[in-house]
């Protein structure tokens, strides 16, 4: 596993407990005197009283009422920065970052160096996914107050998330300079050094974290990975063994140690560890999760396969492991071996559906559609109540133009799962290819009944009407609604243009079709439509060029397009 893979997929420690200075509860300073007060018949009402009432409402779960009361408190003490920050915090709880930001911006106009407000504005910009503004605010905080330890960590982490390694390094260097005991700072400096390929410096930083925090297992894993990268397997094994001394049940270290033994050529030791892990995986599902996270998700397929095959020696009937073996072999490009592993996943396994679908798709990838069909028919016999298998089986029948079989299978799926919009959509597509336009539209309307915003179904009905030259007003309405969901979709843009074409509004159709051709430049139908509009507008050279491109892009009715070319060619 490369260091970059570990950065992306490794269990990263996160040391930031909270953002200093912006907590919404606890340790509240007294409000300034004099306290504005309003007398009522029952009791005196002042800003402090309303502040307390607001937090009481908050504890009772009535956030809207808490905001209303806090606003009243501010009317009584309009200069209180503390109350303003509290109200901003309430708006954040309501997930209204804009309202919170307005309040904090108002504070910063008159108090530009207010630390707590700068921290809060950084937090708000993070909520709004505005990292540059957040970084600016946090940078200002530590420039004003170098004691804000947690802000260093927050700022450094933001730079790391953006892969801005140099500024991240500078932040953490400032942190350890001001806080020499910050093991978090040294840890992230080690990470950055490792990413930059400076293994020696990275090891020094990780070792420093272990001096400060001897039980920090994350640093040991980082050291182990560095030794592995250098092929120093003896030291790597020592590091993982040290982790296991602290925690004998650490699965991640156990897997890593077994892999180290395998790399060293100590096959017997490795096999003992892997077989034990296989037996453990039957009871402890975290073994599977760690294998997926650390080896399959990081695409380290060959190492994953070695470990999984060893684990199967300890648990030869494990469907979980057979499924993982199938994934690893597929990643290695061993398609037939992968299919065989997937086929061995038992029907009662949590991975049965995924394994069966994956195997069927691999048959499709090898252009063995009949094998995929036969396999899914066998699979349905094992699990007859699963509509997902019928969805894929129907699509394979569709691929070989066995439309009657496809409709039959998809209808069976709908009977099993009447609320499955994907089954209705596929059924609509098959009806369309079979020439049953009305049935196709009816199926797509069922999709919209289940999912009214389904852009593909909206477009399908709209384009079908446009192609038929009927219900053009409804077609336009449906297609425009689809475009609201997918404004940059070339196929939907083409559909709207085709409505205009059918109305004879060629000048309105042209810019849309030119846009569609830019969005999906290789689609033969879009190129044909563009040629048709050019033809109607008397732009013969452009029409000919579009028709030729349509053929080059693989138009399914080449003869029809060639006929159009012959009619135009001089």
Protein backbone atom coordinates (compact mmCIF):
# COMPACT_ATOMS: atom_id res chain seq x y z
CA UNK A 1 0.00 0.00 0.00
CA UNK A 2 1.37 3.39 -0.96
CA UNK A 3 1.58 6.23 1.51
CA UNK A 4 -0.93 8.27 -0.48
CA UNK A 5 -3.38 5.39 -0.30
CA UNK A 6 -2.98 5.26 3.42
CA UNK A 7 -3.63 9.00 3.63
CA UNK A 8 -6.87 8.54 1.70
CA UNK A 9 -8.17 5.36 3.30
CA UNK A 10 -6.37 4.82 6.57
CA UNK A 11 -8.18 5.44 9.86
CA UNK A 12 -7.09 9.01 10.38
CA UNK A 13 -6.99 10.30 13.92
CA UNK A 14 -8.66 13.58 14.55
CA UNK A 15 -7.45 15.45 17.56
CA UNK A 16 -9.73 18.47 17.46
CA UNK A 17 -12.16 18.14 20.33
CA UNK A 18 -13.93 21.45 19.78
CA UNK A 19 -13.35 24.92 18.41
CA UNK A 20 -12.10 27.00 21.27
CA UNK A 21 -14.13 30.01 22.23
CA UNK A 22 -17.34 29.22 20.29
CA UNK A 23 -19.08 26.73 22.57
CA UNK A 24 -22.72 27.46 22.99
CA UNK A 25 -23.07 26.19 26.55
CA UNK A 26 -21.08 26.29 29.75
CA UNK A 27 -18.74 28.88 31.28
CA UNK A 28 -20.91 31.89 30.44
CA UNK A 29 -19.55 35.30 31.49
CA UNK A 30 -21.88 37.67 33.31
CA UNK A 31 -23.64 40.25 31.21
CA UNK A 32 -22.30 43.79 31.52
CA UNK A 33 -23.82 46.22 33.99
CA UNK A 34 -26.04 48.10 34.00
CA UNK A 35 -28.55 45.44 32.83
CA UNK A 36 -31.42 46.95 30.86
CA UNK A 37 -34.65 45.97 32.56
CA UNK A 38 -38.34 46.05 31.76
CA UNK A 39 -40.88 45.78 34.58
CA UNK A 40 -43.96 43.56 34.24
CA UNK A 41 -46.76 42.92 36.70
CA UNK A 42 -45.29 39.48 37.54
CA UNK A 43 -41.53 39.88 37.45
CA UNK A 44 -38.72 42.05 36.13
CA UNK A 45 -37.58 41.05 32.63
CA UNK A 46 -33.96 41.77 31.66
CA UNK A 47 -31.50 40.56 29.05
CA UNK A 48 -30.02 38.01 31.42
CA UNK A 49 -33.45 36.62 32.25
CA UNK A 50 -34.34 36.32 28.55
CA UNK A 51 -30.94 34.76 27.86
CA UNK A 52 -31.74 32.09 30.48
CA UNK A 53 -35.23 31.60 29.06
CA UNK A 54 -33.79 31.12 25.57
CA UNK A 55 -31.46 28.36 26.75
CA UNK A 56 -34.27 26.75 28.72
CA UNK A 57 -36.33 26.64 25.51
CA UNK A 58 -33.33 25.20 23.70
CA UNK A 59 -32.98 22.41 26.27
CA UNK A 60 -36.67 21.61 25.74
CA UNK A 61 -36.02 21.28 22.01
CA UNK A 62 -37.82 24.45 20.95
CA UNK A 63 -35.12 26.12 18.86
CA UNK A 64 -37.44 28.56 17.09
CA UNK A 65 -38.74 29.88 20.41
CA UNK A 66 -35.17 30.12 21.73
CA UNK A 67 -34.20 32.28 18.74
CA UNK A 68 -37.22 34.53 19.27
CA UNK A 69 -36.40 35.06 22.95
CA UNK A 70 -32.70 35.68 22.25
CA UNK A 71 -33.71 38.34 19.72
CA UNK A 72 -35.78 40.00 22.45
CA UNK A 73 -32.76 39.90 24.76
CA UNK A 74 -30.71 41.70 22.13
CA UNK A 75 -33.30 44.45 21.90
CA UNK A 76 -32.70 45.10 25.59
CA UNK A 77 -28.91 44.94 25.28
CA UNK A 78 -28.15 45.72 21.63
CA UNK A 79 -24.40 46.24 22.24
CA UNK A 80 -23.76 42.80 23.75
CA UNK A 81 -21.28 40.91 21.58
CA UNK A 82 -21.88 37.84 23.66
CA UNK A 83 -25.62 37.79 22.99
CA UNK A 84 -25.02 38.34 19.30
CA UNK A 85 -22.64 35.40 19.16
CA UNK A 86 -25.14 33.25 21.03
CA UNK A 87 -27.88 34.16 18.58
CA UNK A 88 -25.55 33.35 15.67
CA UNK A 89 -24.91 29.99 17.29
CA UNK A 90 -28.65 29.36 17.49
CA UNK A 91 -29.00 30.13 13.78
CA UNK A 92 -26.23 27.63 13.09
CA UNK A 93 -28.16 25.01 15.06
CA UNK A 94 -31.10 25.77 12.78
CA UNK A 95 -28.73 25.27 9.84
CA UNK A 96 -29.27 28.82 8.67
CA UNK A 97 -25.65 29.76 8.13
CA UNK A 98 -26.56 32.88 6.19
CA UNK A 99 -28.47 34.40 9.12
CA UNK A 100 -25.62 33.49 11.48
CA UNK A 101 -23.06 35.05 9.17
CA UNK A 102 -25.00 38.32 8.94
CA UNK A 103 -24.83 38.69 12.72
CA UNK A 104 -21.12 37.89 12.95
CA UNK A 105 -20.24 40.17 10.03
CA UNK A 106 -22.02 42.96 11.86
CA UNK A 107 -19.84 42.33 14.93
CA UNK A 108 -16.64 42.29 12.88
CA UNK A 109 -17.42 45.65 11.28
CA UNK A 110 -17.14 47.33 14.67
CA UNK A 111 -14.81 44.79 16.33
CA UNK A 112 -12.58 43.37 13.53
CA UNK A 113 -10.23 41.67 15.98
CA UNK A 114 -12.86 39.92 18.10
CA UNK A 115 -11.38 36.44 18.45
CA UNK A 116 -14.56 34.54 19.26
CA UNK A 117 -16.40 36.13 16.34
CA UNK A 118 -13.56 35.30 13.95
CA UNK A 119 -13.64 31.69 15.12
CA UNK A 120 -17.37 31.56 14.63
CA UNK A 121 -17.18 33.14 11.17
CA UNK A 122 -14.61 30.50 10.21
CA UNK A 123 -16.96 27.81 11.41
CA UNK A 124 -19.86 29.30 9.45
CA UNK A 125 -17.83 29.45 6.24
CA UNK A 126 -16.96 25.79 6.72
CA UNK A 127 -20.70 25.02 6.97
CA UNK A 128 -21.20 26.96 3.74
CA UNK A 129 -18.36 25.01 2.09
CA UNK A 130 -16.34 28.19 1.62
CA UNK A 131 -12.87 26.98 2.66
CA UNK A 132 -10.96 30.05 1.50
CA UNK A 133 -13.02 32.36 3.69
CA UNK A 134 -12.76 29.93 6.61
CA UNK A 135 -8.98 29.69 6.20
CA UNK A 136 -8.73 33.49 6.11
CA UNK A 137 -10.70 33.78 9.36
CA UNK A 138 -8.72 31.09 11.18
CA UNK A 139 -5.42 32.53 9.97
CA UNK A 140 -6.45 35.89 11.40
CA UNK A 141 -7.29 34.21 14.72
CA UNK A 142 -3.85 32.67 15.23
CA UNK A 143 -2.17 35.88 14.03
CA UNK A 144 -4.00 37.74 16.79
CA UNK A 145 -3.77 35.05 19.45
CA UNK A 146 -1.11 32.36 19.18
CA UNK A 147 -2.61 30.51 22.16
CA UNK A 148 -5.54 29.20 20.09
CA UNK A 149 -4.22 25.66 19.95
CA UNK A 150 -7.30 24.04 18.45
CA UNK A 151 -7.46 26.59 15.65
CA UNK A 152 -3.99 25.56 14.49
CA UNK A 153 -5.29 22.01 14.23
CA UNK A 154 -8.45 23.10 12.44
CA UNK A 155 -6.56 25.28 9.98
CA UNK A 156 -3.93 22.65 9.29
CA UNK A 157 -6.58 20.03 8.66
CA UNK A 158 -8.32 22.30 6.16
CA UNK A 159 -5.08 22.71 4.22
CA UNK A 160 -4.55 18.94 4.28
CA UNK A 161 -8.08 18.32 2.98
CA UNK A 162 -7.25 20.64 0.08
CA UNK A 163 -3.86 18.90 -0.40
CA UNK A 164 -2.06 22.19 0.23
CA UNK A 165 0.91 20.57 1.93
CA UNK A 166 3.26 23.56 2.29
CA UNK A 167 0.84 25.88 4.16
CA UNK A 168 -0.32 22.91 6.23
CA UNK A 169 3.29 22.22 7.18
CA UNK A 170 3.81 25.87 8.17
CA UNK A 171 0.73 25.80 10.42
CA UNK A 172 1.82 22.64 12.22
CA UNK A 173 5.37 23.93 12.60
CA UNK A 174 3.93 27.02 14.30
CA UNK A 175 1.81 24.75 16.48
CA UNK A 176 4.71 22.65 17.79
CA UNK A 177 6.82 25.77 18.26
CA UNK A 178 4.15 27.33 20.48
CA UNK A 179 3.04 24.01 22.01
CA UNK A 180 6.05 21.66 22.15
CA UNK A 181 3.90 18.99 23.75
CA UNK A 182 1.42 18.82 20.86
CA UNK A 183 1.71 15.25 19.65
CA UNK A 184 -1.05 16.05 17.11
CA UNK A 185 1.17 18.67 15.48
CA UNK A 186 4.10 16.25 15.19
CA UNK A 187 1.80 13.53 13.87
CA UNK A 188 0.52 15.63 11.01
CA UNK A 189 4.02 16.90 10.25
CA UNK A 190 4.95 13.24 9.90
CA UNK A 191 2.04 12.66 7.56
CA UNK A 192 3.01 15.61 5.38
CA UNK A 193 6.66 14.51 5.25
CA UNK A 194 5.60 10.99 4.25
CA UNK A 195 3.37 12.34 1.48
CA UNK A 196 6.28 14.44 0.21
CA UNK A 197 8.48 11.36 0.10
CA UNK A 198 10.74 12.32 3.01
CA UNK A 199 10.55 9.05 4.93
CA UNK A 200 13.45 9.83 7.24
CA UNK A 201 11.89 13.07 8.50
CA UNK A 202 8.47 11.41 8.73
CA UNK A 203 9.86 8.64 10.94
CA UNK A 204 11.48 11.22 13.21
CA UNK A 205 8.18 13.04 13.65
CA UNK A 206 6.21 9.84 14.34
CA UNK A 207 8.81 8.71 16.86
CA UNK A 208 8.49 12.11 18.54
CA UNK A 209 4.72 11.59 18.90
CA UNK A 210 5.39 8.26 20.62
CA UNK A 211 7.71 9.97 23.09
CA UNK A 212 4.91 12.39 23.91
CA UNK A 213 2.09 9.81 23.71
CA UNK A 214 3.49 6.23 23.90
CA UNK A 215 0.10 4.56 23.34
CA UNK A 216 -0.67 6.42 20.11
CA UNK A 217 -1.27 3.42 17.86
CA UNK A 218 -1.78 5.54 14.74
CA UNK A 219 1.86 6.63 14.79
CA UNK A 220 2.99 3.02 15.02
CA UNK A 221 0.93 2.13 11.96
CA UNK A 222 2.48 5.02 10.08
CA UNK A 223 5.96 3.87 11.07
CA UNK A 224 5.11 0.32 9.98
CA UNK A 225 3.95 1.57 6.59
CA UNK A 226 7.15 3.57 6.15
CA UNK A 227 9.29 0.54 6.92
CA UNK A 228 7.21 -1.55 4.51
CA UNK A 229 7.74 1.04 1.78
CA UNK A 230 11.49 0.77 2.38
CA UNK A 231 11.20 -3.05 2.36
CA UNK A 232 12.60 -3.07 5.88
CA UNK A 233 10.30 -5.94 6.84
CA UNK A 234 12.12 -6.77 10.06
CA UNK A 235 11.47 -3.32 11.56
CA UNK A 236 7.93 -3.28 10.15
CA UNK A 237 7.21 -6.61 11.84
CA UNK A 238 8.64 -5.25 15.08
CA UNK A 239 6.31 -2.23 14.93
CA UNK A 240 3.19 -4.33 14.29
CA UNK A 241 4.23 -6.77 17.01
CA UNK A 242 4.53 -3.85 19.43
CA UNK A 243 0.96 -2.81 18.56
CA UNK A 244 -0.22 -6.36 19.25
CA UNK A 245 1.53 -6.35 22.62
CA UNK A 246 -0.58 -3.34 23.57
CA UNK A 247 -3.72 -4.76 21.98
CA UNK A 248 -3.65 -8.47 21.02
CA UNK A 249 -7.08 -8.13 19.38
CA UNK A 250 -5.99 -5.45 16.89
CA UNK A 251 -7.12 -6.93 13.59
CA UNK A 252 -5.44 -4.32 11.41
CA UNK A 253 -2.04 -5.04 12.97
CA UNK A 254 -2.65 -8.79 12.74
CA UNK A 255 -3.36 -8.58 9.01
CA UNK A 256 -0.35 -6.33 8.45
CA UNK A 257 1.94 -8.65 10.41
CA UNK A 258 0.74 -11.67 8.44
CA UNK A 259 1.43 -9.81 5.20
CA UNK A 260 4.93 -8.89 6.43
CA UNK A 261 5.70 -12.55 7.16
CA UNK A 262 4.48 -13.41 3.66
CA UNK A 263 6.73 -10.71 2.15
CA UNK A 264 9.68 -12.05 4.15
CA UNK A 265 9.07 -15.55 2.81
CA UNK A 266 7.87 -16.90 6.17
CA UNK A 267 4.90 -18.57 4.48
CA UNK A 268 4.10 -20.89 7.36
CA UNK A 269 3.85 -18.05 9.90
CA UNK A 270 1.80 -16.00 7.47
CA UNK A 271 -0.55 -18.89 6.78
CA UNK A 272 -1.14 -19.50 10.48
CA UNK A 273 -2.08 -15.85 10.97
CA UNK A 274 -4.33 -15.72 7.88
CA UNK A 275 -6.11 -18.96 8.72
CA UNK A 276 -6.78 -17.70 12.25
CA UNK A 277 -8.14 -14.46 10.80
CA UNK A 278 -10.41 -16.48 8.52
CA UNK A 279 -11.87 -18.34 11.49
CA UNK A 280 -12.20 -15.06 13.38
CA UNK A 281 -14.08 -13.49 10.46
CA UNK A 282 -16.93 -15.96 10.94
CA UNK A 283 -17.82 -14.25 14.22
CA UNK A 284 -16.21 -10.82 13.99
CA UNK A 285 -17.48 -8.91 10.95
CA UNK A 286 -14.96 -6.12 11.52
CA UNK A 287 -12.34 -8.39 9.93
CA UNK A 288 -14.18 -8.12 6.62
CA UNK A 289 -14.64 -4.36 6.99
CA UNK A 290 -10.92 -3.82 7.60
CA UNK A 291 -9.97 -5.99 4.62
CA UNK A 292 -12.26 -3.94 2.39
CA UNK A 293 -11.09 -0.59 3.79
CA UNK A 294 -7.34 -1.22 3.85
CA UNK A 295 -6.84 -3.43 0.79
CA UNK A 296 -9.81 -3.53 -1.60
CA UNK A 297 -10.86 0.12 -1.36
CA UNK A 298 -7.22 1.10 -1.88
CA UNK A 299 -7.08 -1.19 -4.94
CA UNK A 300 -4.25 -3.23 -3.45
CA UNK A 301 -5.76 -6.29 -5.09
CA UNK A 302 -2.81 -8.68 -5.25
CA UNK A 303 -2.00 -8.32 -1.56
CA UNK A 304 -5.72 -8.59 -0.76
CA UNK A 305 -5.99 -11.81 -2.74
CA UNK A 306 -2.99 -13.34 -0.97
CA UNK A 307 -4.49 -12.57 2.43
CA UNK A 308 -8.01 -13.65 1.51
CA UNK A 309 -6.87 -16.96 0.02
CA UNK A 310 -4.98 -17.60 3.25
CA UNK A 311 -8.06 -16.73 5.29
CA UNK A 312 -10.12 -19.19 3.23
CA UNK A 313 -7.84 -21.95 4.48
CA UNK A 314 -9.22 -21.26 7.94
CA UNK A 315 -12.81 -20.73 6.80
CA UNK A 316 -13.26 -22.58 3.50
CA UNK A 317 -17.05 -22.22 3.48
CA UNK A 318 -17.18 -18.49 4.24
CA UNK A 319 -19.38 -16.70 1.72
CA UNK A 320 -18.03 -13.37 2.97
CA UNK A 321 -14.48 -14.35 2.07
CA UNK A 322 -15.51 -15.84 -1.29
CA UNK A 323 -17.19 -12.56 -2.16
CA UNK A 324 -14.04 -10.62 -1.20
CA UNK A 325 -11.95 -13.09 -3.22
CA UNK A 326 -14.17 -12.39 -6.23
CA UNK A 327 -13.62 -8.64 -5.84
CA UNK A 328 -9.85 -9.05 -5.52
CA UNK A 329 -9.60 -11.35 -8.56
CA UNK A 330 -11.75 -8.99 -10.62
CA UNK A 331 -9.42 -6.14 -9.64
CA UNK A 332 -6.49 -8.24 -10.82
CA UNK A 333 -8.18 -8.78 -14.20
CA UNK A 334 -8.83 -12.49 -13.58
CA UNK A 335 -12.45 -12.38 -14.71
CA UNK A 336 -13.26 -16.09 -15.00
CA UNK A 337 -11.70 -16.88 -11.61
CA UNK A 338 -13.63 -13.96 -10.14
CA UNK A 339 -16.94 -15.30 -11.49
CA UNK A 340 -16.24 -18.71 -9.98
CA UNK A 341 -15.73 -17.14 -6.56
CA UNK A 342 -18.94 -15.11 -6.84
CA UNK A 343 -20.87 -18.24 -7.82
CA UNK A 344 -19.85 -19.90 -4.54
CA UNK A 345 -21.49 -17.20 -2.39
CA UNK A 346 -24.44 -18.86 -0.65
CA UNK A 347 -28.03 -17.59 -1.09
CA UNK A 348 -28.33 -16.85 2.63
CA UNK A 349 -25.26 -14.59 2.55
CA UNK A 350 -25.56 -10.82 2.96
CA UNK A 351 -23.42 -10.59 -0.19
CA UNK A 352 -25.47 -12.98 -2.36
CA UNK A 353 -27.21 -10.28 -4.41
CA UNK A 354 -24.02 -8.26 -4.95
CA UNK A 355 -22.07 -11.37 -5.91
CA UNK A 356 -24.70 -12.60 -8.38
CA UNK A 357 -25.13 -9.22 -10.07
CA UNK A 358 -21.36 -8.73 -10.24
CA UNK A 359 -20.91 -12.13 -11.88
CA UNK A 360 -23.67 -11.42 -14.41
CA UNK A 361 -22.10 -8.08 -15.31
CA UNK A 362 -18.73 -9.76 -15.79
CA UNK A 363 -20.35 -12.16 -18.27
CA UNK A 364 -21.73 -9.10 -20.05
CA UNK A 365 -18.28 -7.50 -20.03
CA UNK A 366 -16.94 -10.62 -21.77
CA UNK A 367 -19.83 -10.31 -24.28
CA UNK A 368 -21.28 -13.62 -23.08
CA UNK A 369 -24.87 -12.39 -22.77
CA UNK A 370 -26.44 -15.83 -23.02
CA UNK A 371 -24.19 -17.03 -20.19
CA UNK A 372 -25.35 -14.05 -18.13
CA UNK A 373 -28.99 -14.93 -18.87
CA UNK A 374 -28.51 -18.60 -17.97
CA UNK A 375 -26.70 -17.67 -14.77
CA UNK A 376 -29.42 -15.26 -13.66
CA UNK A 377 -32.13 -17.84 -14.38
CA UNK A 378 -30.29 -20.23 -12.05
CA UNK A 379 -29.89 -17.44 -9.49
CA UNK A 380 -33.63 -16.67 -9.54
CA UNK A 381 -34.35 -20.32 -8.76
CA UNK A 382 -32.22 -19.91 -5.62
CA UNK A 383 -33.83 -16.60 -4.63
CA UNK A 384 -37.18 -16.31 -6.43
CA UNK A 385 -38.43 -13.31 -4.42
CA UNK A 386 -35.61 -10.94 -5.37
CA UNK A 387 -36.79 -8.36 -7.96
CA UNK A 388 -33.24 -7.07 -8.56
CA UNK A 389 -32.28 -10.22 -10.44
CA UNK A 390 -35.25 -9.78 -12.78
CA UNK A 391 -34.22 -6.18 -13.47
CA UNK A 392 -30.82 -7.34 -14.76
CA UNK A 393 -32.24 -10.39 -16.52
CA UNK A 394 -34.74 -8.15 -18.30
CA UNK A 395 -31.95 -5.83 -19.43
CA UNK A 396 -29.95 -8.79 -20.84
CA UNK A 397 -33.00 -10.05 -22.75
CA UNK A 398 -33.39 -6.50 -24.05
CA UNK A 399 -29.78 -6.54 -25.20
CA UNK A 400 -30.39 -9.61 -27.38
CA UNK A 401 -33.72 -8.11 -28.56
CA UNK A 402 -35.78 -10.82 -26.84
CA UNK A 403 -38.35 -8.16 -25.94
CA UNK A 404 -41.21 -10.51 -25.12
CA UNK A 405 -39.06 -12.35 -22.57
CA UNK A 406 -37.80 -9.06 -21.21
CA UNK A 407 -41.31 -7.69 -20.66
CA UNK A 408 -42.38 -10.94 -18.97
CA UNK A 409 -39.43 -10.90 -16.57
CA UNK A 410 -39.75 -7.21 -15.75
CA UNK A 411 -43.48 -7.58 -15.07
CA UNK A 412 -42.62 -10.38 -12.64
CA UNK A 413 -40.24 -7.97 -10.95
CA UNK A 414 -42.93 -5.30 -10.71
CA UNK A 415 -45.31 -7.84 -9.16
CA UNK A 416 -42.68 -8.53 -6.49
CA UNK A 417 -41.88 -4.85 -5.91
CA UNK A 418 -44.64 -2.51 -7.17
CA UNK A 419 -42.80 0.55 -5.84
CA UNK A 420 -39.59 -0.08 -7.75
CA UNK A 421 -39.27 2.84 -10.20
CA UNK A 422 -36.22 1.30 -11.89
CA UNK A 423 -38.24 -1.76 -12.96
CA UNK A 424 -40.94 0.43 -14.49
CA UNK A 425 -38.34 2.55 -16.26
CA UNK A 426 -36.65 -0.49 -17.80
CA UNK A 427 -40.05 -1.84 -18.80
CA UNK A 428 -40.82 1.46 -20.53
CA UNK A 429 -37.55 1.32 -22.46
CA UNK A 430 -38.21 -2.25 -23.60
CA UNK A 431 -41.75 -1.43 -24.72
CA UNK A 432 -40.33 1.49 -26.71
CA UNK A 433 -37.77 -0.71 -28.45
CA UNK A 434 -40.51 -3.26 -29.12
CA UNK A 435 -42.54 -0.57 -30.84
CA UNK A 436 -45.23 -0.40 -28.17
CA UNK A 437 -45.18 3.37 -27.67
CA UNK A 438 -48.37 3.68 -25.62
CA UNK A 439 -47.27 0.92 -23.23
CA UNK A 440 -43.88 2.62 -22.97
CA UNK A 441 -45.49 5.92 -22.00
CA UNK A 442 -47.74 4.16 -19.47
CA UNK A 443 -44.72 2.53 -17.81
CA UNK A 444 -42.88 5.85 -17.67
CA UNK A 445 -45.92 7.48 -16.08
CA UNK A 446 -45.71 4.83 -13.37
CA UNK A 447 -42.11 5.93 -12.81
CA UNK A 448 -43.33 9.50 -12.35
CA UNK A 449 -46.06 8.35 -9.97
CA UNK A 450 -43.33 6.86 -7.77
CA UNK A 451 -40.69 9.53 -8.47
CA UNK A 452 -42.27 12.74 -9.82
CA UNK A 453 -38.90 14.45 -10.34
CA UNK A 454 -37.31 11.61 -12.32
CA UNK A 455 -35.62 13.55 -15.12
CA UNK A 456 -35.05 10.50 -17.32
CA UNK A 457 -38.71 9.48 -17.27
CA UNK A 458 -39.86 13.06 -17.86
CA UNK A 459 -37.56 13.29 -20.85
CA UNK A 460 -38.52 9.86 -22.16
CA UNK A 461 -42.22 10.69 -22.31
CA UNK A 462 -41.53 14.15 -23.70
CA UNK A 463 -39.22 12.92 -26.44
CA UNK A 464 -41.55 10.05 -27.34
CA UNK A 465 -44.41 12.50 -27.84
CA UNK A 466 -42.12 14.80 -29.83
CA UNK A 467 -40.95 11.95 -32.05
CA UNK A 468 -44.57 10.94 -32.62
CA UNK A 469 -45.49 14.57 -33.32
CA UNK A 470 -48.29 14.51 -30.74
CA UNK A 471 -49.05 16.26 -27.44
CA UNK A 472 -46.25 18.73 -28.14
CA UNK A 473 -47.33 21.20 -25.45
CA UNK A 474 -47.19 18.49 -22.77
CA UNK A 475 -43.94 17.22 -24.26
CA UNK A 476 -42.35 20.65 -23.87
CA UNK A 477 -43.63 20.95 -20.31
CA UNK A 478 -42.20 17.55 -19.34
CA UNK A 479 -38.86 18.16 -21.01
CA UNK A 480 -38.46 21.59 -19.41
CA UNK A 481 -39.11 20.01 -16.03
CA UNK A 482 -36.43 17.43 -16.79
CA UNK A 483 -34.01 20.22 -17.71
CA UNK A 484 -34.59 21.81 -14.33
CA UNK A 485 -33.13 18.64 -12.81
CA UNK A 486 -30.34 18.24 -15.40
CA UNK A 487 -29.68 21.61 -17.08
CA UNK A 488 -26.50 20.43 -18.84
CA UNK A 489 -27.85 17.15 -20.19
CA UNK A 490 -27.30 16.97 -23.95
CA UNK A 491 -29.99 14.37 -24.56
CA UNK A 492 -32.69 16.37 -22.78
CA UNK A 493 -31.57 19.50 -24.63
CA UNK A 494 -31.92 17.56 -27.88
CA UNK A 495 -35.46 16.54 -26.86
CA UNK A 496 -36.55 20.14 -26.36
CA UNK A 497 -35.06 21.07 -29.72
CA UNK A 498 -37.00 18.22 -31.31
CA UNK A 499 -40.27 19.63 -29.95
CA UNK A 500 -39.47 22.91 -31.72
CA UNK A 501 -38.53 21.01 -34.88
CA UNK A 502 -41.83 19.19 -34.93
CA UNK A 503 -43.64 22.53 -34.60
CA UNK A 504 -41.65 23.88 -37.53
CA UNK A 505 -39.78 26.33 -35.28
CA UNK A 506 -36.41 25.54 -36.82
CA UNK A 507 -34.64 28.73 -35.77
CA UNK A 508 -35.53 28.04 -32.11
CA UNK A 509 -34.40 24.41 -32.47
CA UNK A 510 -30.98 25.23 -33.98
CA UNK A 511 -29.14 26.77 -30.98
CA UNK A 512 -30.44 24.00 -28.73
CA UNK A 513 -29.22 21.29 -31.08
CA UNK A 514 -25.84 22.97 -31.46
CA UNK A 515 -25.62 23.04 -27.67
CA UNK A 516 -26.65 19.37 -27.46
CA UNK A 517 -23.99 18.45 -30.02
CA UNK A 518 -21.36 20.11 -27.83
CA UNK A 519 -22.60 18.29 -24.71
CA UNK A 520 -22.76 14.84 -26.39
CA UNK A 521 -20.51 15.20 -29.45
CA UNK A 522 -20.46 11.48 -30.28
CA UNK A 523 -24.20 10.81 -30.29
CA UNK A 524 -25.40 9.87 -33.80
CA UNK A 525 -29.06 10.83 -33.25
CA UNK A 526 -28.17 14.32 -32.06
CA UNK A 527 -25.96 14.75 -35.16
CA UNK A 528 -28.80 13.55 -37.39
CA UNK A 529 -31.24 15.97 -35.76
CA UNK A 530 -28.76 18.79 -36.21
CA UNK A 531 -28.44 17.86 -39.89
CA UNK A 532 -32.23 17.89 -40.25
CA UNK A 533 -32.46 21.43 -38.83
CA UNK A 534 -29.58 22.67 -41.02
CA UNK A 535 -31.39 21.13 -43.97
CA UNK A 536 -34.66 22.93 -43.16
CA UNK A 537 -32.81 26.23 -42.79
CA UNK A 538 -31.08 25.78 -46.16
CA UNK A 539 -27.61 25.29 -44.65
CA UNK A 540 -26.80 22.34 -46.91
CA UNK A 541 -23.04 22.01 -46.34
CA UNK A 542 -23.50 21.94 -42.59
CA UNK A 543 -26.37 19.46 -42.97
CA UNK A 544 -24.18 17.11 -45.03
CA UNK A 545 -21.36 17.34 -42.51
CA UNK A 546 -23.71 16.53 -39.60
CA UNK A 547 -25.19 13.54 -41.46
CA UNK A 548 -21.71 12.18 -42.21
CA UNK A 549 -20.72 12.57 -38.56
CA UNK A 550 -23.91 10.75 -37.58
CA UNK A 551 -22.85 7.75 -39.67
CA UNK A 552 -19.28 7.90 -38.38
CA UNK A 553 -20.66 7.84 -34.82
CA UNK A 554 -22.48 4.57 -35.55
CA UNK A 555 -26.08 5.47 -36.37
CA UNK A 556 -28.26 2.35 -36.05
CA UNK A 557 -30.13 3.15 -39.28
CA UNK A 558 -27.22 3.97 -41.52
CA UNK A 559 -29.26 3.50 -44.71
CA UNK A 560 -31.79 6.17 -43.71
CA UNK A 561 -29.07 8.74 -43.06
CA UNK A 562 -27.27 7.83 -46.30
CA UNK A 563 -30.53 8.47 -48.16
CA UNK A 564 -30.65 11.99 -46.69
CA UNK A 565 -27.07 12.56 -47.86
CA UNK A 566 -27.91 11.42 -51.40
CA UNK A 567 -30.84 13.81 -51.57
CA UNK A 568 -28.58 16.74 -50.62
CA UNK A 569 -25.31 15.83 -52.31
CA UNK A 570 -24.69 17.67 -55.60
